[in-house]
Amino acid sequence: MNRLEQLLIYLEENPRDSFLQFALALEYLKKGEAEEGLKYFETLVENDPEYVGTYYHLGKLYNKLGRKTDAENCYAKGLDIASKLNDQHSFAELQNAKTNLSLGIDDDE
């Protein structure tokens, strides 16, 4: 059984587990299945908006999919949440990603 299959089984047992949804989204991205990853990230943002780590990865994915406005909005929402939670690390990471996006810098290169 591979990692993806294991995560799907765990999610069946705990369907609202934010960490499992996040891990599944990342696993699908690693497999090159961006649309599946997108579904998990968007569900996670809807069900657990304070799971702040999602916003960085979802913003990156939106940008990769050519959805720059969605990426900008995602980073802005993540910045609001990180600020509210006083999560300075996530705030700095999101601010950097948002700035790079606005400058047209691809920091994945």
PDB file of N, CA and C in Angstrom:
ATOM      1  N   MET A   1       0.849  -1.177   0.000  1.00  0.00           N
ATOM      2  CA  MET A   1       0.000   0.000   0.000  1.00  0.00           C
ATOM      3  C   MET A   1       0.899   1.246   0.000  1.00  0.00           C
ATOM      4  N   ASN A   2       0.618   2.170  -0.906  1.00  0.00           N
ATOM      5  CA  ASN A   2       1.440   3.381  -0.971  1.00  0.00           C
ATOM      6  C   ASN A   2       0.908   4.450  -0.025  1.00  0.00           C
ATOM      7  N   ARG A   3       1.666   5.528   0.072  1.00  0.00           N
ATOM      8  CA  ARG A   3       1.336   6.612   1.012  1.00  0.00           C
ATOM      9  C   ARG A   3      -0.048   7.217   0.729  1.00  0.00           C
ATOM     10  N   LEU A   4      -0.343   7.432  -0.535  1.00  0.00           N
ATOM     11  CA  LEU A   4      -1.629   8.010  -0.905  1.00  0.00           C
ATOM     12  C   LEU A   4      -2.784   7.118  -0.454  1.00  0.00           C
ATOM     13  N   GLU A   5      -2.658   5.828  -0.710  1.00  0.00           N
ATOM     14  CA  GLU A   5      -3.710   4.894  -0.296  1.00  0.00           C
ATOM     15  C   GLU A   5      -3.883   4.895   1.224  1.00  0.00           C
ATOM     16  N   GLN A   6      -2.770   4.953   1.954  1.00  0.00           N
ATOM     17  CA  GLN A   6      -2.849   4.995   3.414  1.00  0.00           C
ATOM     18  C   GLN A   6      -3.563   6.255   3.896  1.00  0.00           C
ATOM     19  N   LEU A   7      -3.207   7.391   3.301  1.00  0.00           N
ATOM     20  CA  LEU A   7      -3.844   8.647   3.697  1.00  0.00           C
ATOM     21  C   LEU A   7      -5.343   8.632   3.418  1.00  0.00           C
ATOM     22  N   LEU A   8      -5.736   8.059   2.294  1.00  0.00           N
ATOM     23  CA  LEU A   8      -7.163   7.977   1.965  1.00  0.00           C
ATOM     24  C   LEU A   8      -7.921   7.109   2.972  1.00  0.00           C
ATOM     25  N   ILE A   9      -7.301   6.027   3.410  1.00  0.00           N
ATOM     26  CA  ILE A   9      -7.931   5.170   4.425  1.00  0.00           C
ATOM     27  C   ILE A   9      -8.066   5.931   5.739  1.00  0.00           C
ATOM     28  N   TYR A  10      -7.005   6.618   6.143  1.00  0.00           N
ATOM     29  CA  TYR A  10      -7.062   7.403   7.377  1.00  0.00           C
ATOM     30  C   TYR A  10      -8.151   8.476   7.293  1.00  0.00           C
ATOM     31  N   LEU A  11      -8.276   9.096   6.108  1.00  0.00           N
ATOM     32  CA  LEU A  11      -9.282  10.143   5.954  1.00  0.00           C
ATOM     33  C   LEU A  11     -10.701   9.573   6.046  1.00  0.00           C
ATOM     34  N   GLU A  12     -10.893   8.361   5.558  1.00  0.00           N
ATOM     35  CA  GLU A  12     -12.206   7.721   5.700  1.00  0.00           C
ATOM     36  C   GLU A  12     -12.578   7.586   7.176  1.00  0.00           C
ATOM     37  N   GLU A  13     -11.574   7.288   7.995  1.00  0.00           N
ATOM     38  CA  GLU A  13     -11.808   7.115   9.435  1.00  0.00           C
ATOM     39  C   GLU A  13     -11.978   8.460  10.146  1.00  0.00           C
ATOM     40  N   ASN A  14     -11.347   9.497   9.619  1.00  0.00           N
ATOM     41  CA  ASN A  14     -11.373  10.837  10.228  1.00  0.00           C
ATOM     42  C   ASN A  14     -11.583  11.888   9.140  1.00  0.00           C
ATOM     43  N   PRO A  15     -12.783  11.965   8.580  1.00  0.00           N
ATOM     44  CA  PRO A  15     -13.016  12.806   7.401  1.00  0.00           C
ATOM     45  C   PRO A  15     -12.807  14.306   7.588  1.00  0.00           C
ATOM     46  N   ARG A  16     -12.788  14.797   8.807  1.00  0.00           N
ATOM     47  CA  ARG A  16     -12.602  16.234   9.016  1.00  0.00           C
ATOM     48  C   ARG A  16     -11.214  16.557   9.558  1.00  0.00           C
ATOM     49  N   ASP A  17     -10.302  15.606   9.478  1.00  0.00           N
ATOM     50  CA  ASP A  17      -8.949  15.814   9.979  1.00  0.00           C
ATOM     51  C   ASP A  17      -8.192  16.736   9.020  1.00  0.00           C
ATOM     52  N   SER A  18      -7.880  17.914   9.485  1.00  0.00           N
ATOM     53  CA  SER A  18      -7.233  18.926   8.641  1.00  0.00           C
ATOM     54  C   SER A  18      -5.848  18.495   8.185  1.00  0.00           C
ATOM     55  N   PHE A  19      -5.087  17.889   9.079  1.00  0.00           N
ATOM     56  CA  PHE A  19      -3.751  17.452   8.690  1.00  0.00           C
ATOM     57  C   PHE A  19      -3.813  16.429   7.564  1.00  0.00           C
ATOM     58  N   LEU A  20      -4.749  15.482   7.646  1.00  0.00           N
ATOM     59  CA  LEU A  20      -4.875  14.467   6.595  1.00  0.00           C
ATOM     60  C   LEU A  20      -5.269  15.095   5.263  1.00  0.00           C
ATOM     61  N   GLN A  21      -6.184  16.057   5.288  1.00  0.00           N
ATOM     62  CA  GLN A  21      -6.567  16.741   4.050  1.00  0.00           C
ATOM     63  C   GLN A  21      -5.373  17.474   3.450  1.00  0.00           C
ATOM     64  N   PHE A  22      -4.606  18.135   4.307  1.00  0.00           N
ATOM     65  CA  PHE A  22      -3.422  18.859   3.866  1.00  0.00           C
ATOM     66  C   PHE A  22      -2.400  17.886   3.259  1.00  0.00           C
ATOM     67  N   ALA A  23      -2.148  16.784   3.953  1.00  0.00           N
ATOM     68  CA  ALA A  23      -1.186  15.782   3.470  1.00  0.00           C
ATOM     69  C   ALA A  23      -1.639  15.180   2.143  1.00  0.00           C
ATOM     70  N   LEU A  24      -2.931  14.931   2.013  1.00  0.00           N
ATOM     71  CA  LEU A  24      -3.449  14.398   0.748  1.00  0.00           C
ATOM     72  C   LEU A  24      -3.272  15.391  -0.395  1.00  0.00           C
ATOM     73  N   ALA A  25      -3.548  16.644  -0.141  1.00  0.00           N
ATOM     74  CA  ALA A  25      -3.367  17.663  -1.178  1.00  0.00           C
ATOM     75  C   ALA A  25      -1.925  17.674  -1.655  1.00  0.00           C
ATOM     76  N   LEU A  26      -0.993  17.666  -0.713  1.00  0.00           N
ATOM     77  CA  LEU A  26       0.431  17.675  -1.079  1.00  0.00           C
ATOM     78  C   LEU A  26       0.832  16.404  -1.815  1.00  0.00           C
ATOM     79  N   GLU A  27       0.281  15.286  -1.395  1.00  0.00           N
ATOM     80  CA  GLU A  27       0.601  14.010  -2.046  1.00  0.00           C
ATOM     81  C   GLU A  27       0.116  14.008  -3.496  1.00  0.00           C
ATOM     82  N   TYR A  28      -1.088  14.523  -3.722  1.00  0.00           N
ATOM     83  CA  TYR A  28      -1.588  14.613  -5.095  1.00  0.00           C
ATOM     84  C   TYR A  28      -0.720  15.550  -5.929  1.00  0.00           C
ATOM     85  N   LEU A  29      -0.260  16.638  -5.343  1.00  0.00           N
ATOM     86  CA  LEU A  29       0.625  17.546  -6.088  1.00  0.00           C
ATOM     87  C   LEU A  29       1.916  16.846  -6.470  1.00  0.00           C
ATOM     88  N   LYS A  30       2.477  16.070  -5.547  1.00  0.00           N
ATOM     89  CA  LYS A  30       3.706  15.329  -5.842  1.00  0.00           C
ATOM     90  C   LYS A  30       3.505  14.351  -6.987  1.00  0.00           C
ATOM     91  N   LYS A  31       2.295  13.814  -7.108  1.00  0.00           N
ATOM     92  CA  LYS A  31       1.979  12.871  -8.180  1.00  0.00           C
ATOM     93  C   LYS A  31       1.623  13.583  -9.491  1.00  0.00           C
ATOM     94  N   GLY A  32       1.618  14.917  -9.466  1.00  0.00           N
ATOM     95  CA  GLY A  32       1.283  15.671 -10.669  1.00  0.00           C
ATOM     96  C   GLY A  32      -0.204  15.806 -10.912  1.00  0.00           C
ATOM     97  N   GLU A  33      -1.015  15.554  -9.889  1.00  0.00           N
ATOM     98  CA  GLU A  33      -2.468  15.634 -10.013  1.00  0.00           C
ATOM     99  C   GLU A  33      -2.962  16.905  -9.321  1.00  0.00           C
ATOM    100  N   ALA A  34      -2.701  18.034  -9.987  1.00  0.00           N
ATOM    101  CA  ALA A  34      -2.981  19.346  -9.408  1.00  0.00           C
ATOM    102  C   ALA A  34      -4.464  19.538  -9.082  1.00  0.00           C
ATOM    103  N   GLU A  35      -5.354  19.084  -9.937  1.00  0.00           N
ATOM    104  CA  GLU A  35      -6.792  19.298  -9.707  1.00  0.00           C
ATOM    105  C   GLU A  35      -7.277  18.551  -8.464  1.00  0.00           C
ATOM    106  N   GLU A  36      -6.749  17.359  -8.233  1.00  0.00           N
ATOM    107  CA  GLU A  36      -7.114  16.621  -7.019  1.00  0.00           C
ATOM    108  C   GLU A  36      -6.565  17.336  -5.786  1.00  0.00           C
ATOM    109  N   GLY A  37      -5.322  17.791  -5.871  1.00  0.00           N
ATOM    110  CA  GLY A  37      -4.742  18.542  -4.767  1.00  0.00           C
ATOM    111  C   GLY A  37      -5.536  19.802  -4.481  1.00  0.00           C
ATOM    112  N   LEU A  38      -5.943  20.473  -5.541  1.00  0.00           N
ATOM    113  CA  LEU A  38      -6.735  21.699  -5.412  1.00  0.00           C
ATOM    114  C   LEU A  38      -8.028  21.437  -4.644  1.00  0.00           C
ATOM    115  N   LYS A  39      -8.692  20.338  -4.959  1.00  0.00           N
ATOM    116  CA  LYS A  39      -9.949  20.008  -4.268  1.00  0.00           C
ATOM    117  C   LYS A  39      -9.728  19.876  -2.763  1.00  0.00           C
ATOM    118  N   TYR A  40      -8.658  19.205  -2.382  1.00  0.00           N
ATOM    119  CA  TYR A  40      -8.396  19.024  -0.952  1.00  0.00           C
ATOM    120  C   TYR A  40      -8.024  20.341  -0.277  1.00  0.00           C
ATOM    121  N   PHE A  41      -7.198  21.152  -0.940  1.00  0.00           N
ATOM    122  CA  PHE A  41      -6.840  22.448  -0.355  1.00  0.00           C
ATOM    123  C   PHE A  41      -8.077  23.336  -0.184  1.00  0.00           C
ATOM    124  N   GLU A  42      -8.919  23.394  -1.217  1.00  0.00           N
ATOM    125  CA  GLU A  42     -10.099  24.258  -1.137  1.00  0.00           C
ATOM    126  C   GLU A  42     -11.090  23.764  -0.090  1.00  0.00           C
ATOM    127  N   THR A  43     -11.233  22.467   0.036  1.00  0.00           N
ATOM    128  CA  THR A  43     -12.096  21.909   1.083  1.00  0.00           C
ATOM    129  C   THR A  43     -11.538  22.245   2.454  1.00  0.00           C
ATOM    130  N   LEU A  44     -10.247  22.154   2.597  1.00  0.00           N
ATOM    131  CA  LEU A  44      -9.605  22.460   3.874  1.00  0.00           C
ATOM    132  C   LEU A  44      -9.817  23.918   4.263  1.00  0.00           C
ATOM    133  N   VAL A  45      -9.648  24.832   3.311  1.00  0.00           N
ATOM    134  CA  VAL A  45      -9.857  26.256   3.593  1.00  0.00           C
ATOM    135  C   VAL A  45     -11.306  26.512   3.998  1.00  0.00           C
ATOM    136  N   GLU A  46     -12.222  25.804   3.359  1.00  0.00           N
ATOM    137  CA  GLU A  46     -13.643  25.973   3.682  1.00  0.00           C
ATOM    138  C   GLU A  46     -13.978  25.411   5.068  1.00  0.00           C
ATOM    139  N   ASN A  47     -13.449  24.226   5.380  1.00  0.00           N
ATOM    140  CA  ASN A  47     -13.795  23.552   6.633  1.00  0.00           C
ATOM    141  C   ASN A  47     -12.969  24.000   7.841  1.00  0.00           C
ATOM    142  N   ASP A  48     -11.748  24.439   7.597  1.00  0.00           N
ATOM    143  CA  ASP A  48     -10.864  24.833   8.702  1.00  0.00           C
ATOM    144  C   ASP A  48     -10.040  26.050   8.268  1.00  0.00           C
ATOM    145  N   PRO A  49     -10.685  27.210   8.178  1.00  0.00           N
ATOM    146  CA  PRO A  49      -9.996  28.397   7.658  1.00  0.00           C
ATOM    147  C   PRO A  49      -8.786  28.828   8.479  1.00  0.00           C
ATOM    148  N   GLU A  50      -8.675  28.366   9.703  1.00  0.00           N
ATOM    149  CA  GLU A  50      -7.525  28.752  10.522  1.00  0.00           C
ATOM    150  C   GLU A  50      -6.334  27.800  10.364  1.00  0.00           C
ATOM    151  N   TYR A  51      -6.439  26.813   9.490  1.00  0.00           N
ATOM    152  CA  TYR A  51      -5.302  25.938   9.185  1.00  0.00           C
ATOM    153  C   TYR A  51      -4.403  26.721   8.227  1.00  0.00           C
ATOM    154  N   VAL A  52      -3.629  27.603   8.813  1.00  0.00           N
ATOM    155  CA  VAL A  52      -2.939  28.673   8.079  1.00  0.00           C
ATOM    156  C   VAL A  52      -1.927  28.176   7.044  1.00  0.00           C
ATOM    157  N   GLY A  53      -1.345  27.013   7.254  1.00  0.00           N
ATOM    158  CA  GLY A  53      -0.361  26.491   6.298  1.00  0.00           C
ATOM    159  C   GLY A  53      -0.932  26.241   4.916  1.00  0.00           C
ATOM    160  N   THR A  54      -2.222  26.105   4.842  1.00  0.00           N
ATOM    161  CA  THR A  54      -2.875  25.834   3.561  1.00  0.00           C
ATOM    162  C   THR A  54      -2.724  26.998   2.584  1.00  0.00           C
ATOM    163  N   TYR A  55      -2.778  28.206   3.087  1.00  0.00           N
ATOM    164  CA  TYR A  55      -2.837  29.377   2.208  1.00  0.00           C
ATOM    165  C   TYR A  55      -1.590  29.540   1.350  1.00  0.00           C
ATOM    166  N   TYR A  56      -0.439  29.237   1.899  1.00  0.00           N
ATOM    167  CA  TYR A  56       0.801  29.341   1.130  1.00  0.00           C
ATOM    168  C   TYR A  56       0.761  28.365  -0.049  1.00  0.00           C
ATOM    169  N   HIS A  57       0.457  27.112   0.246  1.00  0.00           N
ATOM    170  CA  HIS A  57       0.474  26.085  -0.800  1.00  0.00           C
ATOM    171  C   HIS A  57      -0.667  26.268  -1.804  1.00  0.00           C
ATOM    172  N   LEU A  58      -1.826  26.672  -1.318  1.00  0.00           N
ATOM    173  CA  LEU A  58      -2.951  26.912  -2.226  1.00  0.00           C
ATOM    174  C   LEU A  58      -2.666  28.109  -3.122  1.00  0.00           C
ATOM    175  N   GLY A  59      -2.089  29.157  -2.573  1.00  0.00           N
ATOM    176  CA  GLY A  59      -1.709  30.315  -3.387  1.00  0.00           C
ATOM    177  C   GLY A  59      -0.722  29.946  -4.479  1.00  0.00           C
ATOM    178  N   LYS A  60       0.275  29.137  -4.109  1.00  0.00           N
ATOM    179  CA  LYS A  60       1.260  28.673  -5.099  1.00  0.00           C
ATOM    180  C   LYS A  60       0.587  27.871  -6.207  1.00  0.00           C
ATOM    181  N   LEU A  61      -0.345  27.008  -5.795  1.00  0.00           N
ATOM    182  CA  LEU A  61      -1.038  26.181  -6.778  1.00  0.00           C
ATOM    183  C   LEU A  61      -1.900  27.040  -7.699  1.00  0.00           C
ATOM    184  N   TYR A  62      -2.637  27.986  -7.131  1.00  0.00           N
ATOM    185  CA  TYR A  62      -3.422  28.888  -7.974  1.00  0.00           C
ATOM    186  C   TYR A  62      -2.523  29.575  -8.994  1.00  0.00           C
ATOM    187  N   ASN A  63      -1.380  30.062  -8.557  1.00  0.00           N
ATOM    188  CA  ASN A  63      -0.469  30.739  -9.473  1.00  0.00           C
ATOM    189  C   ASN A  63       0.013  29.787 -10.563  1.00  0.00           C
ATOM    190  N   LYS A  64       0.366  28.584 -10.181  1.00  0.00           N
ATOM    191  CA  LYS A  64       0.827  27.581 -11.148  1.00  0.00           C
ATOM    192  C   LYS A  64      -0.256  27.278 -12.184  1.00  0.00           C
ATOM    193  N   LEU A  65      -1.514  27.336 -11.741  1.00  0.00           N
ATOM    194  CA  LEU A  65      -2.639  27.071 -12.643  1.00  0.00           C
ATOM    195  C   LEU A  65      -3.055  28.304 -13.442  1.00  0.00           C
ATOM    196  N   GLY A  66      -2.301  29.401 -13.304  1.00  0.00           N
ATOM    197  CA  GLY A  66      -2.598  30.619 -14.048  1.00  0.00           C
ATOM    198  C   GLY A  66      -3.712  31.450 -13.439  1.00  0.00           C
ATOM    199  N   ARG A  67      -4.002  31.227 -12.182  1.00  0.00           N
ATOM    200  CA  ARG A  67      -5.086  31.929 -11.494  1.00  0.00           C
ATOM    201  C   ARG A  67      -4.488  32.948 -10.520  1.00  0.00           C
ATOM    202  N   LYS A  68      -3.837  33.960 -11.080  1.00  0.00           N
ATOM    203  CA  LYS A  68      -3.094  34.932 -10.278  1.00  0.00           C
ATOM    204  C   LYS A  68      -3.987  35.678  -9.288  1.00  0.00           C
ATOM    205  N   THR A  69      -5.161  36.090  -9.714  1.00  0.00           N
ATOM    206  CA  THR A  69      -6.056  36.815  -8.806  1.00  0.00           C
ATOM    207  C   THR A  69      -6.456  35.940  -7.628  1.00  0.00           C
ATOM    208  N   ASP A  70      -6.743  34.671  -7.900  1.00  0.00           N
ATOM    209  CA  ASP A  70      -7.062  33.746  -6.810  1.00  0.00           C
ATOM    210  C   ASP A  70      -5.870  33.586  -5.873  1.00  0.00           C
ATOM    211  N   ALA A  71      -4.669  33.540  -6.442  1.00  0.00           N
ATOM    212  CA  ALA A  71      -3.453  33.424  -5.619  1.00  0.00           C
ATOM    213  C   ALA A  71      -3.307  34.648  -4.719  1.00  0.00           C
ATOM    214  N   GLU A  72      -3.492  35.827  -5.296  1.00  0.00           N
ATOM    215  CA  GLU A  72      -3.383  37.068  -4.509  1.00  0.00           C
ATOM    216  C   GLU A  72      -4.399  37.083  -3.373  1.00  0.00           C
ATOM    217  N   ASN A  73      -5.643  36.720  -3.686  1.00  0.00           N
ATOM    218  CA  ASN A  73      -6.701  36.694  -2.673  1.00  0.00           C
ATOM    219  C   ASN A  73      -6.420  35.655  -1.591  1.00  0.00           C
ATOM    220  N   CYS A  74      -5.884  34.527  -2.005  1.00  0.00           N
ATOM    221  CA  CYS A  74      -5.550  33.462  -1.065  1.00  0.00           C
ATOM    222  C   CYS A  74      -4.457  33.927  -0.104  1.00  0.00           C
ATOM    223  N   TYR A  75      -3.409  34.540  -0.638  1.00  0.00           N
ATOM    224  CA  TYR A  75      -2.333  35.047   0.223  1.00  0.00           C
ATOM    225  C   TYR A  75      -2.872  36.110   1.183  1.00  0.00           C
ATOM    226  N   ALA A  76      -3.734  37.003   0.673  1.00  0.00           N
ATOM    227  CA  ALA A  76      -4.297  38.058   1.529  1.00  0.00           C
ATOM    228  C   ALA A  76      -5.121  37.459   2.669  1.00  0.00           C
ATOM    229  N   LYS A  77      -5.934  36.468   2.356  1.00  0.00           N
ATOM    230  CA  LYS A  77      -6.732  35.822   3.402  1.00  0.00           C
ATOM    231  C   LYS A  77      -5.823  35.120   4.406  1.00  0.00           C
ATOM    232  N   GLY A  78      -4.793  34.449   3.899  1.00  0.00           N
ATOM    233  CA  GLY A  78      -3.839  33.782   4.781  1.00  0.00           C
ATOM    234  C   GLY A  78      -3.117  34.763   5.686  1.00  0.00           C
ATOM    235  N   LEU A  79      -2.780  35.930   5.148  1.00  0.00           N
ATOM    236  CA  LEU A  79      -2.133  36.965   5.964  1.00  0.00           C
ATOM    237  C   LEU A  79      -3.057  37.427   7.082  1.00  0.00           C
ATOM    238  N   ASP A  80      -4.326  37.602   6.776  1.00  0.00           N
ATOM    239  CA  ASP A  80      -5.297  37.999   7.805  1.00  0.00           C
ATOM    240  C   ASP A  80      -5.378  36.943   8.908  1.00  0.00           C
ATOM    241  N   ILE A  81      -5.446  35.682   8.507  1.00  0.00           N
ATOM    242  CA  ILE A  81      -5.551  34.592   9.489  1.00  0.00           C
ATOM    243  C   ILE A  81      -4.271  34.501  10.320  1.00  0.00           C
ATOM    244  N   ALA A  82      -3.112  34.560   9.654  1.00  0.00           N
ATOM    245  CA  ALA A  82      -1.834  34.469  10.377  1.00  0.00           C
ATOM    246  C   ALA A  82      -1.694  35.615  11.371  1.00  0.00           C
ATOM    247  N   SER A  83      -2.130  36.791  10.968  1.00  0.00           N
ATOM    248  CA  SER A  83      -2.084  37.950  11.863  1.00  0.00           C
ATOM    249  C   SER A  83      -2.999  37.726  13.064  1.00  0.00           C
ATOM    250  N   LYS A  84      -4.201  37.259  12.800  1.00  0.00           N
ATOM    251  CA  LYS A  84      -5.175  36.991  13.860  1.00  0.00           C
ATOM    252  C   LYS A  84      -4.635  35.960  14.850  1.00  0.00           C
ATOM    253  N   LEU A  85      -3.928  34.944  14.320  1.00  0.00           N
ATOM    254  CA  LEU A  85      -3.389  33.873  15.161  1.00  0.00           C
ATOM    255  C   LEU A  85      -2.020  34.228  15.758  1.00  0.00           C
ATOM    256  N   ASN A  86      -1.519  35.404  15.374  1.00  0.00           N
ATOM    257  CA  ASN A  86      -0.182  35.831  15.798  1.00  0.00           C
ATOM    258  C   ASN A  86       0.888  34.813  15.391  1.00  0.00           C
ATOM    259  N   ASP A  87       0.732  34.262  14.198  1.00  0.00           N
ATOM    260  CA  ASP A  87       1.675  33.287  13.641  1.00  0.00           C
ATOM    261  C   ASP A  87       2.644  34.049  12.737  1.00  0.00           C
ATOM    262  N   GLN A  88       3.718  34.526  13.342  1.00  0.00           N
ATOM    263  CA  GLN A  88       4.650  35.388  12.625  1.00  0.00           C
ATOM    264  C   GLN A  88       5.406  34.657  11.518  1.00  0.00           C
ATOM    265  N   HIS A  89       5.707  33.391  11.727  1.00  0.00           N
ATOM    266  CA  HIS A  89       6.408  32.626  10.692  1.00  0.00           C
ATOM    267  C   HIS A  89       5.543  32.508   9.433  1.00  0.00           C
ATOM    268  N   SER A  90       4.291  32.097   9.613  1.00  0.00           N
ATOM    269  CA  SER A  90       3.390  31.968   8.463  1.00  0.00           C
ATOM    270  C   SER A  90       3.131  33.318   7.821  1.00  0.00           C
ATOM    271  N   PHE A  91       2.995  34.362   8.647  1.00  0.00           N
ATOM    272  CA  PHE A  91       2.770  35.697   8.114  1.00  0.00           C
ATOM    273  C   PHE A  91       3.922  36.107   7.202  1.00  0.00           C
ATOM    274  N   ALA A  92       5.157  35.905   7.659  1.00  0.00           N
ATOM    275  CA  ALA A  92       6.323  36.284   6.854  1.00  0.00           C
ATOM    276  C   ALA A  92       6.403  35.467   5.567  1.00  0.00           C
ATOM    277  N   GLU A  93       6.118  34.187   5.662  1.00  0.00           N
ATOM    278  CA  GLU A  93       6.151  33.315   4.485  1.00  0.00           C
ATOM    279  C   GLU A  93       5.104  33.752   3.458  1.00  0.00           C
ATOM    280  N   LEU A  94       3.906  34.041   3.927  1.00  0.00           N
ATOM    281  CA  LEU A  94       2.838  34.483   3.034  1.00  0.00           C
ATOM    282  C   LEU A  94       3.122  35.866   2.444  1.00  0.00           C
ATOM    283  N   GLN A  95       3.666  36.760   3.254  1.00  0.00           N
ATOM    284  CA  GLN A  95       3.995  38.102   2.769  1.00  0.00           C
ATOM    285  C   GLN A  95       5.048  38.024   1.671  1.00  0.00           C
ATOM    286  N   ASN A  96       6.038  37.172   1.870  1.00  0.00           N
ATOM    287  CA  ASN A  96       7.087  36.990   0.869  1.00  0.00           C
ATOM    288  C   ASN A  96       6.499  36.425  -0.432  1.00  0.00           C
ATOM    289  N   ALA A  97       5.646  35.423  -0.314  1.00  0.00           N
ATOM    290  CA  ALA A  97       5.028  34.831  -1.499  1.00  0.00           C
ATOM    291  C   ALA A  97       4.157  35.848  -2.235  1.00  0.00           C
ATOM    292  N   LYS A  98       3.400  36.640  -1.485  1.00  0.00           N
ATOM    293  CA  LYS A  98       2.530  37.660  -2.094  1.00  0.00           C
ATOM    294  C   LYS A  98       3.356  38.732  -2.801  1.00  0.00           C
ATOM    295  N   THR A  99       4.439  39.152  -2.182  1.00  0.00           N
ATOM    296  CA  THR A  99       5.320  40.147  -2.793  1.00  0.00           C
ATOM    297  C   THR A  99       5.949  39.593  -4.071  1.00  0.00           C
ATOM    298  N   ASN A 100       6.453  38.371  -3.991  1.00  0.00           N
ATOM    299  CA  ASN A 100       7.066  37.755  -5.174  1.00  0.00           C
ATOM    300  C   ASN A 100       6.062  37.618  -6.309  1.00  0.00           C
ATOM    301  N   LEU A 101       4.833  37.253  -5.972  1.00  0.00           N
ATOM    302  CA  LEU A 101       3.789  37.139  -6.992  1.00  0.00           C
ATOM    303  C   LEU A 101       3.556  38.484  -7.663  1.00  0.00           C
ATOM    304  N   SER A 102       3.452  39.539  -6.865  1.00  0.00           N
ATOM    305  CA  SER A 102       3.184  40.862  -7.433  1.00  0.00           C
ATOM    306  C   SER A 102       4.348  41.362  -8.278  1.00  0.00           C
ATOM    307  N   LEU A 103       5.572  40.903  -7.966  1.00  0.00           N
ATOM    308  CA  LEU A 103       6.753  41.305  -8.736  1.00  0.00           C
ATOM    309  C   LEU A 103       7.035  40.362  -9.912  1.00  0.00           C
ATOM    310  N   GLY A 104       6.246  39.302 -10.010  1.00  0.00           N
ATOM    311  CA  GLY A 104       6.451  38.341 -11.092  1.00  0.00           C
ATOM    312  C   GLY A 104       7.641  37.433 -10.867  1.00  0.00           C
ATOM    313  N   ILE A 105       8.039  37.273  -9.622  1.00  0.00           N
ATOM    314  CA  ILE A 105       9.180  36.423  -9.288  1.00  0.00           C
ATOM    315  C   ILE A 105       8.660  35.024  -8.940  1.00  0.00           C
ATOM    316  N   ASP A 106       9.194  34.026  -9.623  1.00  0.00           N
ATOM    317  CA  ASP A 106       8.830  32.630  -9.327  1.00  0.00           C
ATOM    318  C   ASP A 106       9.865  32.090  -8.370  1.00  0.00           C
ATOM    319  N   ASP A 107       9.530  32.030  -7.096  1.00  0.00           N
ATOM    320  CA  ASP A 107      10.516  31.597  -6.101  1.00  0.00           C
ATOM    321  C   ASP A 107      10.655  30.085  -6.030  1.00  0.00           C
ATOM    322  N   ASP A 108      10.013  29.358  -6.947  1.00  0.00           N
ATOM    323  CA  ASP A 108      10.208  27.910  -7.035  1.00  0.00           C
ATOM    324  C   ASP A 108      11.351  27.546  -7.975  1.00  0.00           C
ATOM    325  N   GLU A 109      11.875  28.547  -8.660  1.00  0.00           N
ATOM    326  CA  GLU A 109      12.952  28.257  -9.625  1.00  0.00           C
ATOM    327  C   GLU A 109      14.259  28.073  -8.933  1.00  0.00           C
TER     328      GLU A 109
END
